[in-house]
Amino acid sequence: MTLQAPYSNAPYPKNTWYVACTPDEIEDKPLGRTICNEPIVFFRGDEGRVAAVEDFCPHRGAPLSLGFVRDGKLVCGYHGLEMGCNGKCAGMPGQRVRGFPSIRAYPVEERHGFVWLWPGDPDQADPSLIPELHWAHNPDWAYGGGLYHVQCEYRLMIDNLMDLTHETYVHASSIGQPEIEEAAPATRVDGDEVVTSRHMESIPAPPFWQAALRGCGLADDVPVDRWQICRFTPPSHVHIEVGVAHAENGGYLAPAEVKASSIVVDFITPETDTSIWYFWGMARNFKPEDGELTDKIREGQGKIFAEDLEMLEAQQRNLLRYPERQLLKLNIDGGGVQARRIIDRLLAEEQEADKEGATA
């Protein structure tokens, strides 16, 4: 069987929330970032509230991201035109510009340690649709993460995260082990959520999880039960419950004193049809006060994800080189296939709504 999917022309839902950046990226100056093929500039406007507008000065077309913020206004670095958070011209030294045409302003929200952007119809932007991250404000949890710019289509990264069979090969020195591919995954769909699970019993812990066990004060040289529960939610979020527990204690349901577990956090934001902003991290509920441990886990996880990038970017180049080739669909691809079906449905619904709006 073959997997029918348009790899060379990657549409993405727009009436949804994407992670655009982290607050530290706009702390000192504006940030220019292309999202869903749209150049956007992010900055802190009035009262420090985050804002997002088209990265285009209506005066001479210069990127506003090359400017600076003054008194809550975004100042063009070319001739000094001031733009408000609403995309309207607010002033310019010695000139009358308030009649200038506005540029586009985007709905944007700062929540859970991320800046979220709605690139679609602003009238549909509902902040309550931003996913709730229970660990983000809980003192019993710690989070550390980073950002990668990857030259691949966003659905390839979703495929990668929903099928962890590749860990045996791509991550052989850290989290990979043969027992992963020996354990059959189970996939189910619950509304717009896709869940793919793997459970492995009485196996040796790979190097990354040996270190995590030591970090929890547990023995790292005994058999463990290991689990991987991948959860996809639209438009392109994948969170993975991962962990190990000393064997014969209930595996995933084992008490906290015999296991090391965490949530791998993945927000995948399309930049163009063949590139993404990949926000990655790990939230854990053991030793949350240990900043040194957070740094060590972030460093280790960053190296693991870096191993994926070379493979994904090479995969994208191959798919562009051979656009006529169809790809095999195996049982391990179930999570990615179901995620694509949900994305396709959302895209069809958006397109139908656009048609109805155009004829109304």
Protein backbone atom coordinates (compact mmCIF):
# COMPACT_ATOMS: atom_id res chain seq x y z
CA MET A 1 0.00 0.00 0.00
CA THR A 2 1.11 3.58 -0.54
CA LEU A 3 0.70 6.73 1.46
CA GLN A 4 -0.97 9.35 -0.68
CA ALA A 5 0.22 12.78 0.49
CA PRO A 6 1.28 15.98 -1.30
CA TYR A 7 4.85 16.38 -0.05
CA SER A 8 5.88 19.13 -2.49
CA ASN A 9 2.89 21.38 -1.77
CA ALA A 10 2.28 21.55 1.96
CA PRO A 11 -0.89 23.37 3.03
CA TYR A 12 -1.43 24.12 6.68
CA PRO A 13 -4.47 25.24 8.66
CA LYS A 14 -4.50 28.96 9.40
CA ASN A 15 -7.52 29.35 11.64
CA THR A 16 -5.61 28.00 14.60
CA TRP A 17 -2.94 28.93 17.13
CA TYR A 18 0.77 28.29 16.45
CA VAL A 19 3.71 28.89 18.75
CA ALA A 20 5.51 31.83 17.14
CA CYS A 21 8.36 32.53 19.54
CA THR A 22 9.33 32.62 23.19
CA PRO A 23 9.17 35.81 25.29
CA ASP A 24 12.96 36.09 25.56
CA GLU A 25 13.20 36.44 21.77
CA ILE A 26 11.40 39.81 21.89
CA GLU A 27 12.84 41.01 25.17
CA ASP A 28 15.22 43.63 23.75
CA LYS A 29 14.19 44.22 20.13
CA PRO A 30 11.63 43.27 17.46
CA LEU A 31 11.74 39.78 16.01
CA GLY A 32 11.13 39.08 12.32
CA ARG A 33 9.82 35.58 11.65
CA THR A 34 8.03 34.02 8.69
CA ILE A 35 5.09 31.83 9.69
CA CYS A 36 2.84 30.04 7.19
CA ASN A 37 4.67 31.89 4.39
CA GLU A 38 3.83 35.29 5.92
CA PRO A 39 6.65 37.63 7.10
CA ILE A 40 5.65 38.92 10.53
CA VAL A 41 7.35 41.11 13.13
CA PHE A 42 6.78 40.54 16.84
CA PHE A 43 7.42 43.19 19.49
CA ARG A 44 6.29 44.48 22.86
CA GLY A 45 3.93 47.41 22.45
CA ASP A 46 1.91 49.46 24.90
CA GLU A 47 2.25 48.33 28.53
CA GLY A 48 4.61 45.57 27.43
CA ARG A 49 1.88 43.60 25.67
CA VAL A 50 3.08 41.44 22.79
CA ALA A 51 2.02 42.52 19.29
CA ALA A 52 2.44 41.13 15.78
CA VAL A 53 2.13 42.97 12.46
CA GLU A 54 3.19 42.52 8.85
CA ASP A 55 6.95 42.88 8.50
CA PHE A 56 6.53 45.60 5.88
CA CYS A 57 6.82 49.35 6.27
CA PRO A 58 4.13 51.05 4.16
CA HIS A 59 6.51 53.94 3.43
CA ARG A 60 9.23 52.24 1.37
CA GLY A 61 8.70 48.54 2.03
CA ALA A 62 11.58 48.06 4.48
CA PRO A 63 11.30 45.20 7.01
CA LEU A 64 10.01 46.66 10.25
CA SER A 65 11.92 43.96 12.13
CA LEU A 66 15.09 45.97 11.41
CA GLY A 67 13.74 48.81 13.53
CA PHE A 68 13.20 49.29 17.26
CA VAL A 69 10.49 49.91 19.83
CA ARG A 70 9.97 53.35 21.38
CA ASP A 71 7.12 54.27 23.74
CA GLY A 72 5.16 51.19 22.73
CA LYS A 73 5.43 51.95 18.99
CA LEU A 74 7.42 50.01 16.40
CA VAL A 75 9.79 52.43 14.67
CA CYS A 76 11.03 51.63 11.17
CA GLY A 77 14.82 51.54 11.07
CA TYR A 78 14.91 53.14 7.61
CA HIS A 79 13.12 56.52 7.93
CA GLY A 80 11.52 56.42 11.36
CA LEU A 81 7.88 55.73 10.53
CA GLU A 82 6.08 54.67 13.72
CA MET A 83 3.59 51.80 13.65
CA GLY A 84 1.03 50.98 16.32
CA CYS A 85 0.16 47.52 17.57
CA ASN A 86 -2.97 47.69 15.43
CA GLY A 87 -0.98 48.09 12.21
CA LYS A 88 -1.84 51.77 11.79
CA CYS A 89 0.73 54.48 11.13
CA ALA A 90 1.19 56.43 14.34
CA GLY A 91 3.67 59.13 13.33
CA MET A 92 6.89 60.09 11.57
CA PRO A 93 9.30 62.99 12.24
CA GLY A 94 8.28 66.03 10.17
CA GLN A 95 5.65 64.11 8.17
CA ARG A 96 1.89 63.61 8.14
CA VAL A 97 1.35 59.88 7.86
CA ARG A 98 -1.80 59.04 9.80
CA GLY A 99 -3.64 58.71 6.52
CA PHE A 100 -1.25 56.02 5.31
CA PRO A 101 -2.86 52.63 4.69
CA SER A 102 -2.63 50.18 7.56
CA ILE A 103 -0.68 46.99 7.46
CA ARG A 104 -2.04 43.72 8.75
CA ALA A 105 -2.10 43.10 12.50
CA TYR A 106 -2.32 39.53 13.78
CA PRO A 107 -4.07 38.11 16.85
CA VAL A 108 -1.34 37.14 19.29
CA GLU A 109 -1.31 35.91 22.88
CA GLU A 110 1.39 35.30 25.46
CA ARG A 111 0.65 32.18 27.47
CA HIS A 112 2.43 29.20 29.08
CA GLY A 113 5.87 30.65 28.38
CA PHE A 114 5.22 30.97 24.63
CA VAL A 115 3.93 33.60 22.22
CA TRP A 116 1.02 32.24 20.15
CA LEU A 117 -0.05 33.52 16.73
CA TRP A 118 -3.35 33.12 14.84
CA PRO A 119 -2.47 33.57 11.13
CA GLY A 120 -6.02 33.13 9.84
CA ASP A 121 -9.27 35.08 10.08
CA PRO A 122 -8.86 37.39 13.09
CA ASP A 123 -12.59 37.31 13.79
CA GLN A 124 -12.25 33.60 14.59
CA ALA A 125 -9.27 33.98 16.93
CA ASP A 126 -10.46 32.61 20.27
CA PRO A 127 -7.76 32.60 23.01
CA SER A 128 -9.64 29.82 24.81
CA LEU A 129 -8.55 27.50 21.98
CA ILE A 130 -4.90 27.78 23.01
CA PRO A 131 -4.06 24.36 24.49
CA GLU A 132 -3.87 24.12 28.24
CA LEU A 133 -0.42 23.00 29.46
CA HIS A 134 -0.93 21.72 32.98
CA TRP A 135 2.80 21.62 33.73
CA ALA A 136 3.53 25.20 32.67
CA HIS A 137 2.39 26.86 35.93
CA ASN A 138 2.77 23.97 38.36
CA PRO A 139 5.67 24.29 40.83
CA ASP A 140 5.94 20.50 40.94
CA TRP A 141 7.10 20.56 37.33
CA ALA A 142 10.18 21.94 35.59
CA TYR A 143 10.59 22.72 31.88
CA GLY A 144 13.59 23.29 29.65
CA GLY A 145 13.65 23.52 25.88
CA GLY A 146 14.92 25.19 22.76
CA LEU A 147 14.25 26.06 19.11
CA TYR A 148 15.50 24.55 15.87
CA HIS A 149 14.99 25.87 12.35
CA VAL A 150 14.54 22.82 10.12
CA GLN A 151 14.42 22.60 6.34
CA CYS A 152 11.56 20.13 6.09
CA GLU A 153 7.81 20.17 5.62
CA TYR A 154 5.91 20.28 8.91
CA ARG A 155 4.11 16.97 8.43
CA LEU A 156 7.40 15.12 8.11
CA MET A 157 8.23 16.19 11.66
CA ILE A 158 4.80 15.03 12.83
CA ASP A 159 5.44 11.65 11.18
CA ASN A 160 8.81 11.48 12.93
CA LEU A 161 7.35 12.14 16.37
CA MET A 162 4.33 9.86 15.99
CA ASP A 163 6.49 6.88 15.00
CA LEU A 164 9.42 6.41 17.38
CA THR A 165 10.68 3.25 15.68
CA HIS A 166 13.46 5.43 14.25
CA GLU A 167 14.98 5.82 17.72
CA THR A 168 16.60 2.39 17.37
CA TYR A 169 18.63 3.68 14.44
CA VAL A 170 18.85 7.48 14.55
CA HIS A 171 19.35 7.69 18.33
CA ALA A 172 21.23 4.45 18.97
CA SER A 173 23.66 6.08 21.43
CA SER A 174 21.09 7.84 23.61
CA ILE A 175 17.45 6.68 23.70
CA GLY A 176 17.42 4.01 21.00
CA GLN A 177 17.33 0.26 21.64
CA PRO A 178 16.18 -2.81 19.67
CA GLU A 179 13.28 -3.41 22.04
CA ILE A 180 11.48 -0.38 20.59
CA GLU A 181 10.95 -1.89 17.17
CA GLU A 182 10.12 -5.22 18.75
CA ALA A 183 7.14 -3.68 20.59
CA ALA A 184 4.13 -3.19 18.33
CA PRO A 185 2.54 0.29 18.60
CA ALA A 186 -1.18 0.78 19.18
CA THR A 187 -2.93 3.79 17.62
CA ARG A 188 -6.34 5.25 18.42
CA VAL A 189 -8.20 8.41 17.43
CA ASP A 190 -10.26 10.37 19.93
CA GLY A 191 -11.89 13.30 18.17
CA ASP A 192 -9.06 15.51 16.95
CA GLU A 193 -6.46 13.73 19.07
CA VAL A 194 -4.33 10.82 17.82
CA VAL A 195 -2.60 8.63 20.40
CA THR A 196 0.10 6.09 19.55
CA SER A 197 1.43 4.00 22.45
CA ARG A 198 4.30 1.59 23.01
CA HIS A 199 4.98 -0.35 26.20
CA MET A 200 8.12 -2.42 26.74
CA GLU A 201 8.59 -4.72 29.73
CA SER A 202 11.69 -5.83 31.61
CA ILE A 203 14.32 -4.34 29.30
CA PRO A 204 17.62 -2.55 29.96
CA ALA A 205 17.43 1.24 30.22
CA PRO A 206 19.21 3.10 27.37
CA PRO A 207 21.86 5.73 28.27
CA PHE A 208 19.51 8.72 28.46
CA TRP A 209 17.15 6.95 30.82
CA GLN A 210 19.98 5.53 32.88
CA ALA A 211 21.00 9.13 33.54
CA ALA A 212 17.38 10.06 34.37
CA LEU A 213 17.15 7.19 36.87
CA ARG A 214 20.35 8.35 38.54
CA GLY A 215 18.90 11.86 38.63
CA CYS A 216 15.97 10.44 40.58
CA GLY A 217 18.29 8.60 42.96
CA LEU A 218 17.33 5.21 41.49
CA ALA A 219 19.41 2.27 40.36
CA ASP A 220 20.17 2.42 36.64
CA ASP A 221 21.45 -1.14 36.12
CA VAL A 222 18.25 -3.10 36.74
CA PRO A 223 15.52 -4.15 34.27
CA VAL A 224 12.91 -1.48 33.58
CA ASP A 225 9.50 -1.14 32.00
CA ARG A 226 9.47 1.64 29.39
CA TRP A 227 6.63 3.55 27.75
CA GLN A 228 6.13 6.03 24.92
CA ILE A 229 2.69 7.62 24.51
CA CYS A 230 2.58 10.07 21.58
CA ARG A 231 -0.33 12.53 21.44
CA PHE A 232 -1.00 14.62 18.34
CA THR A 233 -3.42 17.55 18.45
CA PRO A 234 -4.05 20.05 15.63
CA PRO A 235 -2.63 21.92 14.01
CA SER A 236 0.82 20.39 14.64
CA HIS A 237 1.41 19.79 18.33
CA VAL A 238 2.89 16.51 19.56
CA HIS A 239 3.38 15.78 23.26
CA ILE A 240 4.92 12.48 24.26
CA GLU A 241 4.69 10.86 27.67
CA VAL A 242 7.92 8.94 28.14
CA GLY A 243 9.56 7.17 31.02
CA VAL A 244 10.95 4.07 32.67
CA ALA A 245 10.15 2.32 35.94
CA HIS A 246 11.90 -0.47 37.75
CA ALA A 247 10.35 -3.64 36.35
CA GLU A 248 7.44 -5.41 38.02
CA ASN A 249 6.10 -2.25 39.62
CA GLY A 250 3.30 -1.45 37.18
CA GLY A 251 5.18 0.25 34.34
CA TYR A 252 3.41 3.47 33.35
CA LEU A 253 1.25 3.23 36.48
CA ALA A 254 4.18 2.55 38.83
CA PRO A 255 4.52 4.77 41.91
CA ALA A 256 6.72 7.83 41.57
CA GLU A 257 9.43 6.51 43.87
CA VAL A 258 10.44 3.78 41.39
CA LYS A 259 10.27 5.62 38.07
CA ALA A 260 11.61 8.50 35.99
CA SER A 261 9.10 10.04 33.60
CA SER A 262 8.46 13.24 31.71
CA ILE A 263 6.60 14.85 28.81
CA VAL A 264 8.44 15.60 25.57
CA VAL A 265 6.96 18.86 24.29
CA ASP A 266 6.92 19.52 20.54
CA PHE A 267 5.35 22.55 18.85
CA ILE A 268 5.87 22.50 15.08
CA THR A 269 5.20 25.79 13.30
CA PRO A 270 5.33 25.98 9.49
CA GLU A 271 7.65 28.66 8.14
CA THR A 272 7.27 27.85 4.45
CA ASP A 273 6.05 24.83 2.51
CA THR A 274 9.37 23.10 3.20
CA SER A 275 10.68 24.60 6.44
CA ILE A 276 9.59 24.82 10.06
CA TRP A 277 10.24 26.39 13.43
CA TYR A 278 10.57 23.50 15.83
CA PHE A 279 10.01 24.36 19.50
CA TRP A 280 11.14 21.38 21.58
CA GLY A 281 11.49 20.73 25.27
CA MET A 282 10.87 18.41 28.19
CA ALA A 283 8.61 18.89 31.21
CA ARG A 284 9.34 16.70 34.23
CA ASN A 285 7.80 16.23 37.66
CA PHE A 286 10.88 15.03 39.54
CA LYS A 287 13.42 17.33 41.19
CA PRO A 288 11.81 20.45 39.67
CA GLU A 289 13.99 22.69 41.84
CA ASP A 290 17.23 21.28 40.37
CA GLY A 291 18.28 23.82 37.74
CA GLU A 292 21.48 21.96 36.96
CA LEU A 293 19.47 18.84 36.16
CA THR A 294 17.19 20.90 33.89
CA ASP A 295 20.25 22.17 32.01
CA LYS A 296 21.67 18.64 31.65
CA ILE A 297 18.39 17.27 30.32
CA ARG A 298 18.04 20.20 27.91
CA GLU A 299 21.56 19.61 26.61
CA GLY A 300 20.97 15.89 26.18
CA GLN A 301 17.59 16.35 24.54
CA GLY A 302 18.98 19.02 22.22
CA LYS A 303 21.62 16.59 20.97
CA ILE A 304 18.99 13.91 20.41
CA PHE A 305 16.77 16.21 18.37
CA ALA A 306 19.76 17.45 16.39
CA GLU A 307 20.22 13.87 15.19
CA ASP A 308 16.72 14.00 13.70
CA LEU A 309 17.41 17.17 11.74
CA GLU A 310 20.02 15.71 9.41
CA MET A 311 17.70 12.82 8.54
CA LEU A 312 14.58 14.98 8.06
CA GLU A 313 16.31 17.57 5.89
CA ALA A 314 17.84 14.83 3.71
CA GLN A 315 14.42 13.16 3.49
CA GLN A 316 12.86 16.45 2.33
CA ARG A 317 15.50 16.90 -0.36
CA ASN A 318 14.82 13.39 -1.64
CA LEU A 319 11.07 13.93 -1.72
CA LEU A 320 11.51 17.15 -3.70
CA ARG A 321 13.91 15.42 -6.06
CA TYR A 322 11.45 12.57 -6.73
CA PRO A 323 7.96 14.12 -6.40
CA GLU A 324 6.33 11.37 -8.47
CA ARG A 325 7.29 8.59 -6.04
CA GLN A 326 4.76 7.25 -3.56
CA LEU A 327 5.77 6.09 -0.09
CA LEU A 328 4.95 2.86 1.69
CA LYS A 329 2.43 2.78 4.51
CA LEU A 330 3.20 0.32 7.31
CA ASN A 331 1.52 -0.39 10.63
CA ILE A 332 4.13 1.73 12.43
CA ASP A 333 2.96 4.75 10.39
CA GLY A 334 -0.54 4.67 11.88
CA GLY A 335 -0.09 7.72 14.10
CA GLY A 336 1.25 9.92 11.32
CA VAL A 337 -1.39 8.74 8.86
CA GLN A 338 -4.23 9.50 11.27
CA ALA A 339 -2.73 12.92 12.09
CA ARG A 340 -2.60 13.75 8.37
CA ARG A 341 -6.25 12.76 7.98
CA ILE A 342 -7.24 15.20 10.70
CA ILE A 343 -5.15 17.95 9.10
CA ASP A 344 -6.72 17.22 5.70
CA ARG A 345 -10.20 17.45 7.20
CA LEU A 346 -9.44 20.78 8.86
CA LEU A 347 -8.01 22.13 5.61
CA ALA A 348 -11.11 21.04 3.70
CA GLU A 349 -13.35 22.73 6.28
CA GLU A 350 -11.34 25.97 6.02
CA GLN A 351 -11.50 25.92 2.23
CA GLU A 352 -15.24 25.31 2.27
CA ALA A 353 -15.73 28.19 4.73
CA ASP A 354 -13.66 30.45 2.48
CA LYS A 355 -15.84 29.56 -0.50
CA GLU A 356 -19.02 30.27 1.44
CA GLY A 357 -17.59 33.57 2.64
CA ALA A 358 -16.66 34.60 -0.91
CA THR A 359 -20.19 33.94 -2.19
CA ALA A 360 -22.03 35.42 0.78
